[in-house]
Amino acid sequence: MKVMMTDFARKQIRKTAKYINKEFGKTNKDDFLLKVKRTKQLLETNPYLGPEEPLLANRASAYRSVVVTHLNKMVYRILDDYIEIVDFWDTRREPKKQAEQVK
């Protein structure tokens, strides 16, 4: 299944990568981006890899999330012919506030 990413999710990943580069260096940033890429590849062949996201259970679409690093998770939904990554959460932040930004 093809994996697409919303502009918002792409922005969140870039923002996270920029922070990692600034605080921990280019090697850690590159490692992070590689983990994001590998997670996307895993979703292509295993769309149901992540469990349903309980904070988004009241939505019309079923949202799922998969852990990318111990500090980040990717939120996505499975549509008819593709997977849409809708957000990228920092697990240290308030989860309910992050859930509110998912459209």
PDB file of N, CA and C in Angstrom:
ATOM      1  N   MET A   1       0.843  -1.180   0.000  1.00  0.00           N
ATOM      2  CA  MET A   1       0.000   0.000   0.000  1.00  0.00           C
ATOM      3  C   MET A   1       0.884   1.238   0.000  1.00  0.00           C
ATOM      4  N   LYS A   2       0.498   2.227  -0.743  1.00  0.00           N
ATOM      5  CA  LYS A   2       1.274   3.461  -0.820  1.00  0.00           C
ATOM      6  C   LYS A   2       1.075   4.292   0.454  1.00  0.00           C
ATOM      7  N   VAL A   3       2.141   4.932   0.905  1.00  0.00           N
ATOM      8  CA  VAL A   3       2.097   5.774   2.100  1.00  0.00           C
ATOM      9  C   VAL A   3       2.250   7.227   1.683  1.00  0.00           C
ATOM     10  N   MET A   4       1.284   8.038   2.061  1.00  0.00           N
ATOM     11  CA  MET A   4       1.300   9.482   1.791  1.00  0.00           C
ATOM     12  C   MET A   4       1.439  10.199   3.138  1.00  0.00           C
ATOM     13  N   MET A   5       1.895  11.440   3.078  1.00  0.00           N
ATOM     14  CA  MET A   5       2.066  12.208   4.296  1.00  0.00           C
ATOM     15  C   MET A   5       1.441  13.589   4.123  1.00  0.00           C
ATOM     16  N   THR A   6       0.677  14.036   5.115  1.00  0.00           N
ATOM     17  CA  THR A   6       0.103  15.373   5.052  1.00  0.00           C
ATOM     18  C   THR A   6       1.211  16.404   5.218  1.00  0.00           C
ATOM     19  N   ASP A   7       0.943  17.612   4.758  1.00  0.00           N
ATOM     20  CA  ASP A   7       1.914  18.699   4.930  1.00  0.00           C
ATOM     21  C   ASP A   7       2.203  18.932   6.410  1.00  0.00           C
ATOM     22  N   PHE A   8       1.159  18.818   7.235  1.00  0.00           N
ATOM     23  CA  PHE A   8       1.333  19.043   8.670  1.00  0.00           C
ATOM     24  C   PHE A   8       2.291  18.015   9.275  1.00  0.00           C
ATOM     25  N   ALA A   9       2.121  16.742   8.922  1.00  0.00           N
ATOM     26  CA  ALA A   9       3.009  15.695   9.442  1.00  0.00           C
ATOM     27  C   ALA A   9       4.441  15.927   8.969  1.00  0.00           C
ATOM     28  N   ARG A  10       4.589  16.289   7.711  1.00  0.00           N
ATOM     29  CA  ARG A  10       5.918  16.568   7.154  1.00  0.00           C
ATOM     30  C   ARG A  10       6.576  17.724   7.922  1.00  0.00           C
ATOM     31  N   LYS A  11       5.785  18.735   8.239  1.00  0.00           N
ATOM     32  CA  LYS A  11       6.295  19.895   8.993  1.00  0.00           C
ATOM     33  C   LYS A  11       6.754  19.472  10.393  1.00  0.00           C
ATOM     34  N   GLN A  12       5.985  18.603  11.035  1.00  0.00           N
ATOM     35  CA  GLN A  12       6.337  18.143  12.378  1.00  0.00           C
ATOM     36  C   GLN A  12       7.637  17.333  12.363  1.00  0.00           C
ATOM     37  N   ILE A  13       7.811  16.517  11.337  1.00  0.00           N
ATOM     38  CA  ILE A  13       9.044  15.723  11.230  1.00  0.00           C
ATOM     39  C   ILE A  13      10.238  16.634  10.986  1.00  0.00           C
ATOM     40  N   ARG A  14      10.081  17.621  10.098  1.00  0.00           N
ATOM     41  CA  ARG A  14      11.184  18.573   9.850  1.00  0.00           C
ATOM     42  C   ARG A  14      11.537  19.341  11.117  1.00  0.00           C
ATOM     43  N   LYS A  15      10.523  19.752  11.844  1.00  0.00           N
ATOM     44  CA  LYS A  15      10.741  20.488  13.091  1.00  0.00           C
ATOM     45  C   LYS A  15      11.504  19.623  14.107  1.00  0.00           C
ATOM     46  N   THR A  16      11.128  18.377  14.216  1.00  0.00           N
ATOM     47  CA  THR A  16      11.809  17.457  15.129  1.00  0.00           C
ATOM     48  C   THR A  16      13.246  17.222  14.687  1.00  0.00           C
ATOM     49  N   ALA A  17      13.450  17.014  13.394  1.00  0.00           N
ATOM     50  CA  ALA A  17      14.806  16.791  12.869  1.00  0.00           C
ATOM     51  C   ALA A  17      15.700  18.009  13.120  1.00  0.00           C
ATOM     52  N   LYS A  18      15.146  19.190  12.943  1.00  0.00           N
ATOM     53  CA  LYS A  18      15.909  20.421  13.173  1.00  0.00           C
ATOM     54  C   LYS A  18      16.329  20.520  14.648  1.00  0.00           C
ATOM     55  N   TYR A  19      15.408  20.186  15.539  1.00  0.00           N
ATOM     56  CA  TYR A  19      15.711  20.221  16.972  1.00  0.00           C
ATOM     57  C   TYR A  19      16.809  19.206  17.319  1.00  0.00           C
ATOM     58  N   ILE A  20      16.686  17.996  16.793  1.00  0.00           N
ATOM     59  CA  ILE A  20      17.686  16.962  17.059  1.00  0.00           C
ATOM     60  C   ILE A  20      19.048  17.389  16.541  1.00  0.00           C
ATOM     61  N   ASN A  21      19.087  17.966  15.347  1.00  0.00           N
ATOM     62  CA  ASN A  21      20.348  18.437  14.771  1.00  0.00           C
ATOM     63  C   ASN A  21      20.985  19.502  15.660  1.00  0.00           C
ATOM     64  N   LYS A  22      20.179  20.432  16.124  1.00  0.00           N
ATOM     65  CA  LYS A  22      20.687  21.537  16.954  1.00  0.00           C
ATOM     66  C   LYS A  22      21.199  21.040  18.309  1.00  0.00           C
ATOM     67  N   GLU A  23      20.425  20.150  18.940  1.00  0.00           N
ATOM     68  CA  GLU A  23      20.761  19.710  20.291  1.00  0.00           C
ATOM     69  C   GLU A  23      21.720  18.514  20.353  1.00  0.00           C
ATOM     70  N   PHE A  24      21.663  17.624  19.348  1.00  0.00           N
ATOM     71  CA  PHE A  24      22.401  16.369  19.443  1.00  0.00           C
ATOM     72  C   PHE A  24      23.294  16.067  18.245  1.00  0.00           C
ATOM     73  N   GLY A  25      23.251  16.913  17.225  1.00  0.00           N
ATOM     74  CA  GLY A  25      24.159  16.757  16.099  1.00  0.00           C
ATOM     75  C   GLY A  25      23.575  16.055  14.884  1.00  0.00           C
ATOM     76  N   LYS A  26      24.315  16.179  13.798  1.00  0.00           N
ATOM     77  CA  LYS A  26      23.872  15.677  12.498  1.00  0.00           C
ATOM     78  C   LYS A  26      23.713  14.157  12.476  1.00  0.00           C
ATOM     79  N   THR A  27      24.600  13.436  13.130  1.00  0.00           N
ATOM     80  CA  THR A  27      24.523  11.966  13.136  1.00  0.00           C
ATOM     81  C   THR A  27      23.204  11.499  13.745  1.00  0.00           C
ATOM     82  N   ASN A  28      22.811  12.099  14.856  1.00  0.00           N
ATOM     83  CA  ASN A  28      21.545  11.736  15.501  1.00  0.00           C
ATOM     84  C   ASN A  28      20.352  12.139  14.646  1.00  0.00           C
ATOM     85  N   LYS A  29      20.456  13.283  13.982  1.00  0.00           N
ATOM     86  CA  LYS A  29      19.378  13.714  13.084  1.00  0.00           C
ATOM     87  C   LYS A  29      19.230  12.720  11.941  1.00  0.00           C
ATOM     88  N   ASP A  30      20.342  12.328  11.346  1.00  0.00           N
ATOM     89  CA  ASP A  30      20.303  11.371  10.239  1.00  0.00           C
ATOM     90  C   ASP A  30      19.733  10.026  10.695  1.00  0.00           C
ATOM     91  N   ASP A  31      20.090   9.589  11.883  1.00  0.00           N
ATOM     92  CA  ASP A  31      19.565   8.342  12.435  1.00  0.00           C
ATOM     93  C   ASP A  31      18.044   8.438  12.623  1.00  0.00           C
ATOM     94  N   PHE A  32      17.594   9.573  13.131  1.00  0.00           N
ATOM     95  CA  PHE A  32      16.162   9.804  13.313  1.00  0.00           C
ATOM     96  C   PHE A  32      15.423   9.737  11.974  1.00  0.00           C
ATOM     97  N   LEU A  33      15.937  10.433  10.965  1.00  0.00           N
ATOM     98  CA  LEU A  33      15.285  10.442   9.656  1.00  0.00           C
ATOM     99  C   LEU A  33      15.284   9.049   9.018  1.00  0.00           C
ATOM    100  N   LEU A  34      16.315   8.269   9.261  1.00  0.00           N
ATOM    101  CA  LEU A  34      16.351   6.898   8.762  1.00  0.00           C
ATOM    102  C   LEU A  34      15.258   6.052   9.434  1.00  0.00           C
ATOM    103  N   LYS A  35      15.048   6.249  10.726  1.00  0.00           N
ATOM    104  CA  LYS A  35      13.990   5.528  11.443  1.00  0.00           C
ATOM    105  C   LYS A  35      12.612   5.915  10.922  1.00  0.00           C
ATOM    106  N   VAL A  36      12.428   7.182  10.590  1.00  0.00           N
ATOM    107  CA  VAL A  36      11.158   7.624  10.005  1.00  0.00           C
ATOM    108  C   VAL A  36      10.939   6.923   8.671  1.00  0.00           C
ATOM    109  N   LYS A  37      11.980   6.891   7.840  1.00  0.00           N
ATOM    110  CA  LYS A  37      11.893   6.242   6.529  1.00  0.00           C
ATOM    111  C   LYS A  37      11.587   4.750   6.667  1.00  0.00           C
ATOM    112  N   ARG A  38      12.253   4.085   7.584  1.00  0.00           N
ATOM    113  CA  ARG A  38      12.033   2.647   7.790  1.00  0.00           C
ATOM    114  C   ARG A  38      10.615   2.370   8.294  1.00  0.00           C
ATOM    115  N   THR A  39      10.114   3.239   9.150  1.00  0.00           N
ATOM    116  CA  THR A  39       8.753   3.065   9.658  1.00  0.00           C
ATOM    117  C   THR A  39       7.747   3.204   8.521  1.00  0.00           C
ATOM    118  N   LYS A  40       7.971   4.182   7.651  1.00  0.00           N
ATOM    119  CA  LYS A  40       7.097   4.334   6.488  1.00  0.00           C
ATOM    120  C   LYS A  40       7.138   3.086   5.610  1.00  0.00           C
ATOM    121  N   GLN A  41       8.308   2.520   5.412  1.00  0.00           N
ATOM    122  CA  GLN A  41       8.445   1.308   4.607  1.00  0.00           C
ATOM    123  C   GLN A  41       7.726   0.122   5.256  1.00  0.00           C
ATOM    124  N   LEU A  42       7.801   0.029   6.570  1.00  0.00           N
ATOM    125  CA  LEU A  42       7.096  -1.042   7.278  1.00  0.00           C
ATOM    126  C   LEU A  42       5.582  -0.906   7.108  1.00  0.00           C
ATOM    127  N   LEU A  43       5.096   0.328   7.137  1.00  0.00           N
ATOM    128  CA  LEU A  43       3.660   0.550   6.974  1.00  0.00           C
ATOM    129  C   LEU A  43       3.178   0.153   5.588  1.00  0.00           C
ATOM    130  N   GLU A  44       4.030   0.300   4.575  1.00  0.00           N
ATOM    131  CA  GLU A  44       3.641  -0.081   3.219  1.00  0.00           C
ATOM    132  C   GLU A  44       3.218  -1.544   3.151  1.00  0.00           C
ATOM    133  N   THR A  45       3.919  -2.394   3.862  1.00  0.00           N
ATOM    134  CA  THR A  45       3.619  -3.825   3.801  1.00  0.00           C
ATOM    135  C   THR A  45       2.793  -4.314   4.994  1.00  0.00           C
ATOM    136  N   ASN A  46       2.735  -3.513   6.058  1.00  0.00           N
ATOM    137  CA  ASN A  46       1.994  -3.884   7.271  1.00  0.00           C
ATOM    138  C   ASN A  46       1.130  -2.714   7.742  1.00  0.00           C
ATOM    139  N   PRO A  47       0.056  -2.394   7.031  1.00  0.00           N
ATOM    140  CA  PRO A  47      -0.738  -1.216   7.381  1.00  0.00           C
ATOM    141  C   PRO A  47      -1.322  -1.243   8.792  1.00  0.00           C
ATOM    142  N   TYR A  48      -1.543  -2.448   9.323  1.00  0.00           N
ATOM    143  CA  TYR A  48      -2.140  -2.553  10.658  1.00  0.00           C
ATOM    144  C   TYR A  48      -1.076  -2.737  11.741  1.00  0.00           C
ATOM    145  N   LEU A  49       0.139  -2.319  11.446  1.00  0.00           N
ATOM    146  CA  LEU A  49       1.271  -2.449  12.357  1.00  0.00           C
ATOM    147  C   LEU A  49       0.990  -1.776  13.701  1.00  0.00           C
ATOM    148  N   GLY A  50       0.497  -0.564  13.664  1.00  0.00           N
ATOM    149  CA  GLY A  50       0.240   0.178  14.896  1.00  0.00           C
ATOM    150  C   GLY A  50      -1.159  -0.065  15.417  1.00  0.00           C
ATOM    151  N   PRO A  51      -1.332  -0.027  16.728  1.00  0.00           N
ATOM    152  CA  PRO A  51      -2.671  -0.181  17.306  1.00  0.00           C
ATOM    153  C   PRO A  51      -3.504   1.078  17.084  1.00  0.00           C
ATOM    154  N   GLU A  52      -4.807   0.943  17.248  1.00  0.00           N
ATOM    155  CA  GLU A  52      -5.662   2.126  17.152  1.00  0.00           C
ATOM    156  C   GLU A  52      -5.273   3.094  18.267  1.00  0.00           C
ATOM    157  N   GLU A  53      -5.265   4.375  17.920  1.00  0.00           N
ATOM    158  CA  GLU A  53      -4.864   5.412  18.877  1.00  0.00           C
ATOM    159  C   GLU A  53      -6.063   5.739  19.770  1.00  0.00           C
ATOM    160  N   PRO A  54      -5.993   5.406  21.071  1.00  0.00           N
ATOM    161  CA  PRO A  54      -7.141   5.619  21.966  1.00  0.00           C
ATOM    162  C   PRO A  54      -7.577   7.078  22.084  1.00  0.00           C
ATOM    163  N   LEU A  55      -6.652   8.007  21.970  1.00  0.00           N
ATOM    164  CA  LEU A  55      -7.012   9.422  22.081  1.00  0.00           C
ATOM    165  C   LEU A  55      -7.814   9.922  20.878  1.00  0.00           C
ATOM    166  N   LEU A  56      -7.834   9.141  19.801  1.00  0.00           N
ATOM    167  CA  LEU A  56      -8.568   9.535  18.593  1.00  0.00           C
ATOM    168  C   LEU A  56      -9.705   8.559  18.295  1.00  0.00           C
ATOM    169  N   ALA A  57     -10.112   7.804  19.290  1.00  0.00           N
ATOM    170  CA  ALA A  57     -11.140   6.772  19.100  1.00  0.00           C
ATOM    171  C   ALA A  57     -12.508   7.353  18.757  1.00  0.00           C
ATOM    172  N   ASN A  58     -12.761   8.591  19.119  1.00  0.00           N
ATOM    173  CA  ASN A  58     -14.069   9.195  18.872  1.00  0.00           C
ATOM    174  C   ASN A  58     -14.188   9.830  17.483  1.00  0.00           C
ATOM    175  N   ARG A  59     -13.220   9.636  16.625  1.00  0.00           N
ATOM    176  CA  ARG A  59     -13.213  10.227  15.288  1.00  0.00           C
ATOM    177  C   ARG A  59     -13.939   9.327  14.290  1.00  0.00           C
ATOM    178  N   ALA A  60     -14.351   9.928  13.178  1.00  0.00           N
ATOM    179  CA  ALA A  60     -15.030   9.169  12.121  1.00  0.00           C
ATOM    180  C   ALA A  60     -14.093   8.126  11.509  1.00  0.00           C
ATOM    181  N   SER A  61     -12.841   8.499  11.297  1.00  0.00           N
ATOM    182  CA  SER A  61     -11.840   7.558  10.780  1.00  0.00           C
ATOM    183  C   SER A  61     -11.124   6.883  11.940  1.00  0.00           C
ATOM    184  N   ALA A  62     -10.673   5.669  11.712  1.00  0.00           N
ATOM    185  CA  ALA A  62      -9.883   4.970  12.724  1.00  0.00           C
ATOM    186  C   ALA A  62      -8.418   5.374  12.549  1.00  0.00           C
ATOM    187  N   TYR A  63      -7.872   6.007  13.554  1.00  0.00           N
ATOM    188  CA  TYR A  63      -6.474   6.422  13.525  1.00  0.00           C
ATOM    189  C   TYR A  63      -5.643   5.405  14.287  1.00  0.00           C
ATOM    190  N   ARG A  64      -4.446   5.189  13.791  1.00  0.00           N
ATOM    191  CA  ARG A  64      -3.504   4.270  14.411  1.00  0.00           C
ATOM    192  C   ARG A  64      -2.208   5.029  14.672  1.00  0.00           C
ATOM    193  N   SER A  65      -1.362   4.474  15.525  1.00  0.00           N
ATOM    194  CA  SER A  65      -0.056   5.103  15.760  1.00  0.00           C
ATOM    195  C   SER A  65       0.992   4.016  15.908  1.00  0.00           C
ATOM    196  N   VAL A  66       2.188   4.370  15.502  1.00  0.00           N
ATOM    197  CA  VAL A  66       3.314   3.445  15.605  1.00  0.00           C
ATOM    198  C   VAL A  66       4.513   4.222  16.151  1.00  0.00           C
ATOM    199  N   VAL A  67       5.224   3.611  17.076  1.00  0.00           N
ATOM    200  CA  VAL A  67       6.386   4.240  17.705  1.00  0.00           C
ATOM    201  C   VAL A  67       7.546   4.227  16.712  1.00  0.00           C
ATOM    202  N   VAL A  68       8.148   5.405  16.521  1.00  0.00           N
ATOM    203  CA  VAL A  68       9.309   5.539  15.636  1.00  0.00           C
ATOM    204  C   VAL A  68      10.587   5.514  16.474  1.00  0.00           C
ATOM    205  N   THR A  69      10.615   6.309  17.521  1.00  0.00           N
ATOM    206  CA  THR A  69      11.693   6.282  18.517  1.00  0.00           C
ATOM    207  C   THR A  69      11.003   6.278  19.882  1.00  0.00           C
ATOM    208  N   HIS A  70      11.763   6.140  20.937  1.00  0.00           N
ATOM    209  CA  HIS A  70      11.134   6.141  22.261  1.00  0.00           C
ATOM    210  C   HIS A  70      10.513   7.501  22.609  1.00  0.00           C
ATOM    211  N   LEU A  71      10.801   8.528  21.818  1.00  0.00           N
ATOM    212  CA  LEU A  71      10.252   9.858  22.072  1.00  0.00           C
ATOM    213  C   LEU A  71       9.248  10.325  21.023  1.00  0.00           C
ATOM    214  N   ASN A  72       9.024   9.543  19.979  1.00  0.00           N
ATOM    215  CA  ASN A  72       8.162   9.987  18.882  1.00  0.00           C
ATOM    216  C   ASN A  72       7.291   8.861  18.362  1.00  0.00           C
ATOM    217  N   LYS A  73       6.085   9.219  17.948  1.00  0.00           N
ATOM    218  CA  LYS A  73       5.248   8.248  17.271  1.00  0.00           C
ATOM    219  C   LYS A  73       4.524   8.897  16.103  1.00  0.00           C
ATOM    220  N   MET A  74       4.254   8.075  15.113  1.00  0.00           N
ATOM    221  CA  MET A  74       3.629   8.492  13.873  1.00  0.00           C
ATOM    222  C   MET A  74       2.150   8.124  13.951  1.00  0.00           C
ATOM    223  N   VAL A  75       1.285   9.091  13.669  1.00  0.00           N
ATOM    224  CA  VAL A  75      -0.155   8.862  13.685  1.00  0.00           C
ATOM    225  C   VAL A  75      -0.628   8.787  12.236  1.00  0.00           C
ATOM    226  N   TYR A  76      -1.406   7.748  11.922  1.00  0.00           N
ATOM    227  CA  TYR A  76      -1.836   7.550  10.541  1.00  0.00           C
ATOM    228  C   TYR A  76      -3.229   6.928  10.494  1.00  0.00           C
ATOM    229  N   ARG A  77      -3.787   6.929   9.282  1.00  0.00           N
ATOM    230  CA  ARG A  77      -5.057   6.248   9.062  1.00  0.00           C
ATOM    231  C   ARG A  77      -4.981   5.501   7.740  1.00  0.00           C
ATOM    232  N   ILE A  78      -5.749   4.460   7.657  1.00  0.00           N
ATOM    233  CA  ILE A  78      -5.767   3.639   6.452  1.00  0.00           C
ATOM    234  C   ILE A  78      -6.999   4.022   5.642  1.00  0.00           C
ATOM    235  N   LEU A  79      -6.768   4.494   4.441  1.00  0.00           N
ATOM    236  CA  LEU A  79      -7.861   4.860   3.548  1.00  0.00           C
ATOM    237  C   LEU A  79      -8.024   3.755   2.507  1.00  0.00           C
ATOM    238  N   ASP A  80      -8.924   3.926   1.569  1.00  0.00           N
ATOM    239  CA  ASP A  80      -9.220   2.862   0.607  1.00  0.00           C
ATOM    240  C   ASP A  80      -7.989   2.343  -0.127  1.00  0.00           C
ATOM    241  N   ASP A  81      -7.192   3.233  -0.672  1.00  0.00           N
ATOM    242  CA  ASP A  81      -6.082   2.776  -1.506  1.00  0.00           C
ATOM    243  C   ASP A  81      -4.714   3.295  -1.067  1.00  0.00           C
ATOM    244  N   TYR A  82      -4.634   3.911   0.087  1.00  0.00           N
ATOM    245  CA  TYR A  82      -3.334   4.365   0.604  1.00  0.00           C
ATOM    246  C   TYR A  82      -3.403   4.604   2.105  1.00  0.00           C
ATOM    247  N   ILE A  83      -2.242   4.773   2.693  1.00  0.00           N
ATOM    248  CA  ILE A  83      -2.094   5.096   4.111  1.00  0.00           C
ATOM    249  C   ILE A  83      -1.721   6.573   4.196  1.00  0.00           C
ATOM    250  N   GLU A  84      -2.387   7.296   5.074  1.00  0.00           N
ATOM    251  CA  GLU A  84      -2.108   8.727   5.230  1.00  0.00           C
ATOM    252  C   GLU A  84      -1.525   8.982   6.617  1.00  0.00           C
ATOM    253  N   ILE A  85      -0.281   9.441   6.645  1.00  0.00           N
ATOM    254  CA  ILE A  85       0.343   9.862   7.899  1.00  0.00           C
ATOM    255  C   ILE A  85      -0.136  11.279   8.162  1.00  0.00           C
ATOM    256  N   VAL A  86      -0.828  11.462   9.285  1.00  0.00           N
ATOM    257  CA  VAL A  86      -1.463  12.748   9.553  1.00  0.00           C
ATOM    258  C   VAL A  86      -0.738  13.597  10.586  1.00  0.00           C
ATOM    259  N   ASP A  87       0.060  12.968  11.441  1.00  0.00           N
ATOM    260  CA  ASP A  87       0.749  13.742  12.472  1.00  0.00           C
ATOM    261  C   ASP A  87       1.938  12.947  12.988  1.00  0.00           C
ATOM    262  N   PHE A  88       2.788  13.635  13.714  1.00  0.00           N
ATOM    263  CA  PHE A  88       3.985  13.056  14.291  1.00  0.00           C
ATOM    264  C   PHE A  88       4.091  13.617  15.699  1.00  0.00           C
ATOM    265  N   TRP A  89       3.917  12.780  16.699  1.00  0.00           N
ATOM    266  CA  TRP A  89       3.824  13.237  18.084  1.00  0.00           C
ATOM    267  C   TRP A  89       5.117  13.049  18.855  1.00  0.00           C
ATOM    268  N   ASP A  90       5.402  14.043  19.681  1.00  0.00           N
ATOM    269  CA  ASP A  90       6.474  13.968  20.662  1.00  0.00           C
ATOM    270  C   ASP A  90       5.835  13.362  21.910  1.00  0.00           C
ATOM    271  N   THR A  91       6.260  12.192  22.327  1.00  0.00           N
ATOM    272  CA  THR A  91       5.608  11.499  23.431  1.00  0.00           C
ATOM    273  C   THR A  91       5.834  12.160  24.792  1.00  0.00           C
ATOM    274  N   ARG A  92       6.677  13.174  24.827  1.00  0.00           N
ATOM    275  CA  ARG A  92       6.897  13.896  26.084  1.00  0.00           C
ATOM    276  C   ARG A  92       5.878  15.004  26.288  1.00  0.00           C
ATOM    277  N   ARG A  93       5.177  15.373  25.231  1.00  0.00           N
ATOM    278  CA  ARG A  93       4.205  16.461  25.314  1.00  0.00           C
ATOM    279  C   ARG A  93       2.848  15.949  25.783  1.00  0.00           C
ATOM    280  N   GLU A  94       1.987  16.871  26.135  1.00  0.00           N
ATOM    281  CA  GLU A  94       0.634  16.556  26.584  1.00  0.00           C
ATOM    282  C   GLU A  94      -0.137  15.857  25.458  1.00  0.00           C
ATOM    283  N   PRO A  95      -0.493  14.599  25.627  1.00  0.00           N
ATOM    284  CA  PRO A  95      -1.123  13.845  24.537  1.00  0.00           C
ATOM    285  C   PRO A  95      -2.482  14.388  24.100  1.00  0.00           C
ATOM    286  N   LYS A  96      -3.287  14.873  25.018  1.00  0.00           N
ATOM    287  CA  LYS A  96      -4.612  15.373  24.631  1.00  0.00           C
ATOM    288  C   LYS A  96      -4.504  16.598  23.735  1.00  0.00           C
ATOM    289  N   LYS A  97      -3.536  17.467  23.992  1.00  0.00           N
ATOM    290  CA  LYS A  97      -3.344  18.640  23.144  1.00  0.00           C
ATOM    291  C   LYS A  97      -2.908  18.229  21.745  1.00  0.00           C
ATOM    292  N   GLN A  98      -2.061  17.210  21.664  1.00  0.00           N
ATOM    293  CA  GLN A  98      -1.613  16.722  20.354  1.00  0.00           C
ATOM    294  C   GLN A  98      -2.778  16.104  19.595  1.00  0.00           C
ATOM    295  N   ALA A  99      -3.641  15.401  20.304  1.00  0.00           N
ATOM    296  CA  ALA A  99      -4.803  14.767  19.678  1.00  0.00           C
ATOM    297  C   ALA A  99      -5.746  15.820  19.094  1.00  0.00           C
ATOM    298  N   GLU A 100      -5.842  16.954  19.754  1.00  0.00           N
ATOM    299  CA  GLU A 100      -6.727  18.028  19.278  1.00  0.00           C
ATOM    300  C   GLU A 100      -6.292  18.591  17.937  1.00  0.00           C
ATOM    301  N   GLN A 101      -5.010  18.513  17.617  1.00  0.00           N
ATOM    302  CA  GLN A 101      -4.537  19.092  16.363  1.00  0.00           C
ATOM    303  C   GLN A 101      -4.721  18.156  15.167  1.00  0.00           C
ATOM    304  N   VAL A 102      -5.125  16.907  15.410  1.00  0.00           N
ATOM    305  CA  VAL A 102      -5.373  15.974  14.304  1.00  0.00           C
ATOM    306  C   VAL A 102      -6.716  16.297  13.692  1.00  0.00           C
ATOM    307  N   LYS A 103      -6.701  16.529  12.388  1.00  0.00           N
ATOM    308  CA  LYS A 103      -7.932  16.908  11.687  1.00  0.00           C
ATOM    309  C   LYS A 103      -8.479  15.753  10.908  1.00  0.00           C
TER     310      LYS A 103
END
